[in-house]
C-alpha cells in the first residue's frame, strides 16, 4: 500500500485503528474506484478487452 509511503501497519498506527481495518478500508476504496472506472482494474489487464470491443486497446488510426 502506498499512502505517503506508509505500510499498512504504519497507517493503522497513525489512524489509531487495527491493521485489519486499514486493509479492509483500502480494499473497499479500490473496489469503489474500480466500479467508477467501469470495472477496469488499472493494476492488471482485466476488463480492458471486454470494455474495448474493437480490440485496438484505445489506439486510433492516423489515416484521417
PDB file of N, CA and C in Angstrom:
ATOM      1  N   UNK A   1       0.842  -1.173   0.000  1.00  0.00           N
ATOM      2  CA  UNK A   1       0.000   0.000   0.000  1.00  0.00           C
ATOM      3  C   UNK A   1       0.885   1.233   0.000  1.00  0.00           C
ATOM      4  N   UNK A   2       0.495   2.238  -0.718  1.00  0.00           N
ATOM      5  CA  UNK A   2       1.235   3.489  -0.687  1.00  0.00           C
ATOM      6  C   UNK A   2       0.292   4.618  -0.311  1.00  0.00           C
ATOM      7  N   UNK A   3       0.544   5.189   0.810  1.00  0.00           N
ATOM      8  CA  UNK A   3      -0.138   6.391   1.264  1.00  0.00           C
ATOM      9  C   UNK A   3       0.917   7.140   2.034  1.00  0.00           C
ATOM     10  N   UNK A   4       1.534   8.078   1.381  1.00  0.00           N
ATOM     11  CA  UNK A   4       2.678   8.774   1.961  1.00  0.00           C
ATOM     12  C   UNK A   4       3.757   7.761   2.321  1.00  0.00           C
ATOM     13  N   UNK A   5       3.870   6.701   1.510  1.00  0.00           N
ATOM     14  CA  UNK A   5       4.860   5.642   1.688  1.00  0.00           C
ATOM     15  C   UNK A   5       4.766   4.947   3.040  1.00  0.00           C
ATOM     16  N   UNK A   6       3.549   4.822   3.562  1.00  0.00           N
ATOM     17  CA  UNK A   6       3.342   4.120   4.820  1.00  0.00           C
ATOM     18  C   UNK A   6       2.957   2.670   4.553  1.00  0.00           C
ATOM     19  N   UNK A   7       3.378   1.776   5.425  1.00  0.00           N
ATOM     20  CA  UNK A   7       2.915   0.398   5.378  1.00  0.00           C
ATOM     21  C   UNK A   7       1.511   0.349   5.984  1.00  0.00           C
ATOM     22  N   UNK A   8       0.835  -0.790   5.824  1.00  0.00           N
ATOM     23  CA  UNK A   8      -0.475  -0.946   6.461  1.00  0.00           C
ATOM     24  C   UNK A   8      -0.343  -0.746   7.971  1.00  0.00           C
ATOM     25  N   UNK A   9       0.716  -1.301   8.538  1.00  0.00           N
ATOM     26  CA  UNK A   9       0.923  -1.196   9.977  1.00  0.00           C
ATOM     27  C   UNK A   9       1.127   0.260  10.413  1.00  0.00           C
ATOM     28  N   UNK A  10       1.916   1.008   9.645  1.00  0.00           N
ATOM     29  CA  UNK A  10       2.160   2.411   9.979  1.00  0.00           C
ATOM     30  C   UNK A  10       0.887   3.241   9.826  1.00  0.00           C
ATOM     31  N   UNK A  11       0.116   2.962   8.781  1.00  0.00           N
ATOM     32  CA  UNK A  11      -1.142   3.684   8.577  1.00  0.00           C
ATOM     33  C   UNK A  11      -2.102   3.388   9.725  1.00  0.00           C
ATOM     34  N   UNK A  12      -2.152   2.120  10.150  1.00  0.00           N
ATOM     35  CA  UNK A  12      -3.024   1.742  11.261  1.00  0.00           C
ATOM     36  C   UNK A  12      -2.633   2.485  12.537  1.00  0.00           C
ATOM     37  N   UNK A  13      -1.349   2.562  12.779  1.00  0.00           N
ATOM     38  CA  UNK A  13      -0.881   3.276  13.966  1.00  0.00           C
ATOM     39  C   UNK A  13      -1.219   4.761  13.883  1.00  0.00           C
ATOM     40  N   UNK A  14      -0.998   5.357  12.709  1.00  0.00           N
ATOM     41  CA  UNK A  14      -1.270   6.788  12.531  1.00  0.00           C
ATOM     42  C   UNK A  14      -2.762   7.098  12.686  1.00  0.00           C
ATOM     43  N   UNK A  15      -3.616   6.156  12.249  1.00  0.00           N
ATOM     44  CA  UNK A  15      -5.059   6.370  12.316  1.00  0.00           C
ATOM     45  C   UNK A  15      -5.674   5.879  13.625  1.00  0.00           C
ATOM     46  N   UNK A  16      -4.883   5.118  14.385  1.00  0.00           N
ATOM     47  CA  UNK A  16      -5.392   4.594  15.650  1.00  0.00           C
ATOM     48  C   UNK A  16      -6.429   3.506  15.467  1.00  0.00           C
ATOM     49  N   UNK A  17      -6.271   2.695  14.425  1.00  0.00           N
ATOM     50  CA  UNK A  17      -7.199   1.597  14.150  1.00  0.00           C
ATOM     51  C   UNK A  17      -6.403   0.316  13.926  1.00  0.00           C
ATOM     52  N   UNK A  18      -7.056  -0.852  14.015  1.00  0.00           N
ATOM     53  CA  UNK A  18      -6.355  -2.112  13.761  1.00  0.00           C
ATOM     54  C   UNK A  18      -5.904  -2.224  12.292  1.00  0.00           C
ATOM     55  N   UNK A  19      -4.865  -3.013  12.053  1.00  0.00           N
ATOM     56  CA  UNK A  19      -4.343  -3.215  10.704  1.00  0.00           C
ATOM     57  C   UNK A  19      -5.419  -3.789   9.783  1.00  0.00           C
ATOM     58  N   UNK A  20      -6.236  -4.699  10.310  1.00  0.00           N
ATOM     59  CA  UNK A  20      -7.318  -5.288   9.508  1.00  0.00           C
ATOM     60  C   UNK A  20      -8.292  -4.242   9.008  1.00  0.00           C
ATOM     61  N   UNK A  21      -8.529  -3.214   9.817  1.00  0.00           N
ATOM     62  CA  UNK A  21      -9.423  -2.125   9.415  1.00  0.00           C
ATOM     63  C   UNK A  21      -8.821  -1.345   8.261  1.00  0.00           C
ATOM     64  N   UNK A  22      -7.524  -1.078   8.323  1.00  0.00           N
ATOM     65  CA  UNK A  22      -6.846  -0.374   7.239  1.00  0.00           C
ATOM     66  C   UNK A  22      -6.943  -1.193   5.958  1.00  0.00           C
ATOM     67  N   UNK A  23      -6.653  -2.477   6.051  1.00  0.00           N
ATOM     68  CA  UNK A  23      -6.704  -3.350   4.865  1.00  0.00           C
ATOM     69  C   UNK A  23      -8.104  -3.393   4.260  1.00  0.00           C
ATOM     70  N   UNK A  24      -9.127  -3.514   5.094  1.00  0.00           N
ATOM     71  CA  UNK A  24     -10.491  -3.587   4.569  1.00  0.00           C
ATOM     72  C   UNK A  24     -10.926  -2.264   3.954  1.00  0.00           C
ATOM     73  N   UNK A  25     -10.524  -1.150   4.563  1.00  0.00           N
ATOM     74  CA  UNK A  25     -10.882   0.163   4.004  1.00  0.00           C
ATOM     75  C   UNK A  25     -10.190   0.403   2.668  1.00  0.00           C
ATOM     76  N   UNK A  26      -8.923  -0.008   2.575  1.00  0.00           N
ATOM     77  CA  UNK A  26      -8.194   0.139   1.306  1.00  0.00           C
ATOM     78  C   UNK A  26      -8.848  -0.726   0.241  1.00  0.00           C
ATOM     79  N   UNK A  27      -9.208  -1.956   0.606  1.00  0.00           N
ATOM     80  CA  UNK A  27      -9.869  -2.846  -0.343  1.00  0.00           C
ATOM     81  C   UNK A  27     -11.207  -2.268  -0.801  1.00  0.00           C
ATOM     82  N   UNK A  28     -11.973  -1.731   0.127  1.00  0.00           N
ATOM     83  CA  UNK A  28     -13.264  -1.130  -0.206  1.00  0.00           C
ATOM     84  C   UNK A  28     -13.077   0.069  -1.125  1.00  0.00           C
ATOM     85  N   UNK A  29     -12.070   0.888  -0.856  1.00  0.00           N
ATOM     86  CA  UNK A  29     -11.801   2.060  -1.702  1.00  0.00           C
ATOM     87  C   UNK A  29     -11.378   1.631  -3.100  1.00  0.00           C
ATOM     88  N   UNK A  30     -10.537   0.596  -3.191  1.00  0.00           N
ATOM     89  CA  UNK A  30     -10.127   0.089  -4.505  1.00  0.00           C
ATOM     90  C   UNK A  30     -11.319  -0.432  -5.290  1.00  0.00           C
ATOM     91  N   UNK A  31     -12.228  -1.132  -4.605  1.00  0.00           N
ATOM     92  CA  UNK A  31     -13.422  -1.660  -5.270  1.00  0.00           C
ATOM     93  C   UNK A  31     -14.300  -0.534  -5.803  1.00  0.00           C
ATOM     94  N   UNK A  32     -14.480   0.510  -4.994  1.00  0.00           N
ATOM     95  CA  UNK A  32     -15.281   1.656  -5.440  1.00  0.00           C
ATOM     96  C   UNK A  32     -14.634   2.338  -6.642  1.00  0.00           C
ATOM     97  N   UNK A  33     -13.330   2.496  -6.600  1.00  0.00           N
ATOM     98  CA  UNK A  33     -12.622   3.126  -7.708  1.00  0.00           C
ATOM     99  C   UNK A  33     -12.744   2.277  -8.962  1.00  0.00           C
ATOM    100  N   UNK A  34     -12.594   0.957  -8.812  1.00  0.00           N
ATOM    101  CA  UNK A  34     -12.701   0.052  -9.946  1.00  0.00           C
ATOM    102  C   UNK A  34     -14.079   0.163 -10.582  1.00  0.00           C
ATOM    103  N   UNK A  35     -15.140   0.216  -9.759  1.00  0.00           N
ATOM    104  CA  UNK A  35     -16.506   0.374 -10.297  1.00  0.00           C
ATOM    105  C   UNK A  35     -16.651   1.710 -11.001  1.00  0.00           C
ATOM    106  N   UNK A  36     -16.078   2.765 -10.422  1.00  0.00           N
ATOM    107  CA  UNK A  36     -16.164   4.091 -11.041  1.00  0.00           C
ATOM    108  C   UNK A  36     -15.441   4.139 -12.375  1.00  0.00           C
ATOM    109  N   UNK A  37     -14.416   3.299 -12.518  1.00  0.00           N
ATOM    110  CA  UNK A  37     -13.664   3.249 -13.772  1.00  0.00           C
ATOM    111  C   UNK A  37     -14.276   2.265 -14.760  1.00  0.00           C
ATOM    112  N   UNK A  38     -15.434   1.739 -14.463  1.00  0.00           N
ATOM    113  CA  UNK A  38     -16.084   0.815 -15.364  1.00  0.00           C
ATOM    114  C   UNK A  38     -15.577  -0.603 -15.217  1.00  0.00           C
ATOM    115  N   UNK A  39     -15.302  -1.018 -13.987  1.00  0.00           N
ATOM    116  CA  UNK A  39     -14.831  -2.367 -13.672  1.00  0.00           C
ATOM    117  C   UNK A  39     -13.516  -2.721 -14.338  1.00  0.00           C
ATOM    118  N   UNK A  40     -12.681  -1.736 -14.608  1.00  0.00           N
ATOM    119  CA  UNK A  40     -11.342  -1.980 -15.123  1.00  0.00           C
ATOM    120  C   UNK A  40     -10.378  -1.885 -13.958  1.00  0.00           C
ATOM    121  N   UNK A  41      -9.570  -2.917 -13.788  1.00  0.00           N
ATOM    122  CA  UNK A  41      -8.561  -2.916 -12.735  1.00  0.00           C
ATOM    123  C   UNK A  41      -7.292  -2.316 -13.324  1.00  0.00           C
ATOM    124  N   UNK A  42      -6.917  -1.105 -12.914  1.00  0.00           N
ATOM    125  CA  UNK A  42      -5.744  -0.460 -13.508  1.00  0.00           C
ATOM    126  C   UNK A  42      -4.430  -1.162 -13.200  1.00  0.00           C
ATOM    127  N   UNK A  43      -4.443  -2.096 -12.252  1.00  0.00           N
ATOM    128  CA  UNK A  43      -3.212  -2.810 -11.919  1.00  0.00           C
ATOM    129  C   UNK A  43      -3.030  -4.073 -12.737  1.00  0.00           C
ATOM    130  N   UNK A  44      -4.056  -4.456 -13.501  1.00  0.00           N
ATOM    131  CA  UNK A  44      -3.980  -5.627 -14.369  1.00  0.00           C
ATOM    132  C   UNK A  44      -4.607  -5.284 -15.707  1.00  0.00           C
ATOM    133  N   UNK A  45      -4.671  -6.247 -16.598  1.00  0.00           N
ATOM    134  CA  UNK A  45      -5.339  -6.038 -17.885  1.00  0.00           C
ATOM    135  C   UNK A  45      -6.772  -6.524 -17.850  1.00  0.00           C
ATOM    136  N   UNK A  46      -7.272  -6.936 -16.674  1.00  0.00           N
ATOM    137  CA  UNK A  46      -8.640  -7.432 -16.576  1.00  0.00           C
ATOM    138  C   UNK A  46      -9.632  -6.341 -16.912  1.00  0.00           C
ATOM    139  N   UNK A  47     -10.610  -6.702 -17.747  1.00  0.00           N
ATOM    140  CA  UNK A  47     -11.665  -5.765 -18.080  1.00  0.00           C
ATOM    141  C   UNK A  47     -11.373  -4.921 -19.295  1.00  0.00           C
ATOM    142  N   UNK A  48     -10.131  -4.815 -19.711  1.00  0.00           N
ATOM    143  CA  UNK A  48      -9.801  -3.961 -20.845  1.00  0.00           C
ATOM    144  C   UNK A  48     -10.364  -4.537 -22.137  1.00  0.00           C
ATOM    145  N   UNK A  49     -10.166  -5.824 -22.383  1.00  0.00           N
ATOM    146  CA  UNK A  49     -10.659  -6.437 -23.620  1.00  0.00           C
ATOM    147  C   UNK A  49     -12.174  -6.379 -23.684  1.00  0.00           C
ATOM    148  N   UNK A  50     -12.857  -6.600 -22.558  1.00  0.00           N
ATOM    149  CA  UNK A  50     -14.312  -6.588 -22.571  1.00  0.00           C
ATOM    150  C   UNK A  50     -14.862  -5.177 -22.719  1.00  0.00           C
ATOM    151  N   UNK A  51     -14.113  -4.164 -22.319  1.00  0.00           N
ATOM    152  CA  UNK A  51     -14.608  -2.797 -22.430  1.00  0.00           C
ATOM    153  C   UNK A  51     -14.241  -2.162 -23.763  1.00  0.00           C
ATOM    154  N   UNK A  52     -13.412  -2.828 -24.540  1.00  0.00           N
ATOM    155  CA  UNK A  52     -12.979  -2.280 -25.819  1.00  0.00           C
ATOM    156  C   UNK A  52     -13.191  -3.349 -26.888  1.00  0.00           C
ATOM    157  N   UNK A  53     -14.379  -3.376 -27.470  1.00  0.00           N
ATOM    158  CA  UNK A  53     -14.738  -4.448 -28.390  1.00  0.00           C
ATOM    159  C   UNK A  53     -13.972  -4.397 -29.697  1.00  0.00           C
ATOM    160  N   UNK A  54     -13.368  -3.262 -30.041  1.00  0.00           N
ATOM    161  CA  UNK A  54     -12.627  -3.172 -31.299  1.00  0.00           C
ATOM    162  C   UNK A  54     -11.285  -3.877 -31.215  1.00  0.00           C
ATOM    163  N   UNK A  55     -10.796  -4.128 -30.000  1.00  0.00           N
ATOM    164  CA  UNK A  55      -9.547  -4.842 -29.822  1.00  0.00           C
ATOM    165  C   UNK A  55      -8.309  -4.021 -30.099  1.00  0.00           C
ATOM    166  N   UNK A  56      -8.461  -2.702 -30.267  1.00  0.00           N
ATOM    167  CA  UNK A  56      -7.291  -1.882 -30.572  1.00  0.00           C
ATOM    168  C   UNK A  56      -6.719  -1.187 -29.339  1.00  0.00           C
ATOM    169  N   UNK A  57      -7.210  -1.528 -28.174  1.00  0.00           N
ATOM    170  CA  UNK A  57      -6.695  -1.004 -26.899  1.00  0.00           C
ATOM    171  C   UNK A  57      -6.669   0.513 -26.842  1.00  0.00           C
ATOM    172  N   UNK A  58      -7.619   1.149 -27.488  1.00  0.00           N
ATOM    173  CA  UNK A  58      -7.732   2.588 -27.370  1.00  0.00           C
ATOM    174  C   UNK A  58      -6.891   3.388 -28.351  1.00  0.00           C
ATOM    175  N   UNK A  59      -6.179   2.733 -29.244  1.00  0.00           N
ATOM    176  CA  UNK A  59      -5.387   3.473 -30.203  1.00  0.00           C
ATOM    177  C   UNK A  59      -6.257   3.877 -31.377  1.00  0.00           C
ATOM    178  N   UNK A  60      -5.930   4.998 -31.994  1.00  0.00           N
ATOM    179  CA  UNK A  60      -6.687   5.466 -33.141  1.00  0.00           C
ATOM    180  C   UNK A  60      -5.812   5.417 -34.381  1.00  0.00           C
ATOM    181  N   UNK A  61      -6.433   5.208 -35.488  1.00  0.00           N
ATOM    182  CA  UNK A  61      -5.720   5.201 -36.745  1.00  0.00           C
ATOM    183  C   UNK A  61      -5.356   6.629 -37.120  1.00  0.00           C
ATOM    184  N   UNK A  62      -4.221   6.805 -37.721  1.00  0.00           N
ATOM    185  CA  UNK A  62      -3.792   8.137 -38.148  1.00  0.00           C
ATOM    186  C   UNK A  62      -4.153   8.397 -39.604  1.00  0.00           C
ATOM    187  N   UNK A  63      -5.025   7.581 -40.171  1.00  0.00           N
ATOM    188  CA  UNK A  63      -5.390   7.710 -41.575  1.00  0.00           C
ATOM    189  C   UNK A  63      -6.590   8.629 -41.771  1.00  0.00           C
ATOM    190  N   UNK A  64      -6.556   9.779 -41.123  1.00  0.00           N
ATOM    191  CA  UNK A  64      -7.557  10.781 -41.365  1.00  0.00           C
ATOM    192  C   UNK A  64      -8.827  10.535 -40.765  1.00  0.00           C
TER     193      UNK A  64
END
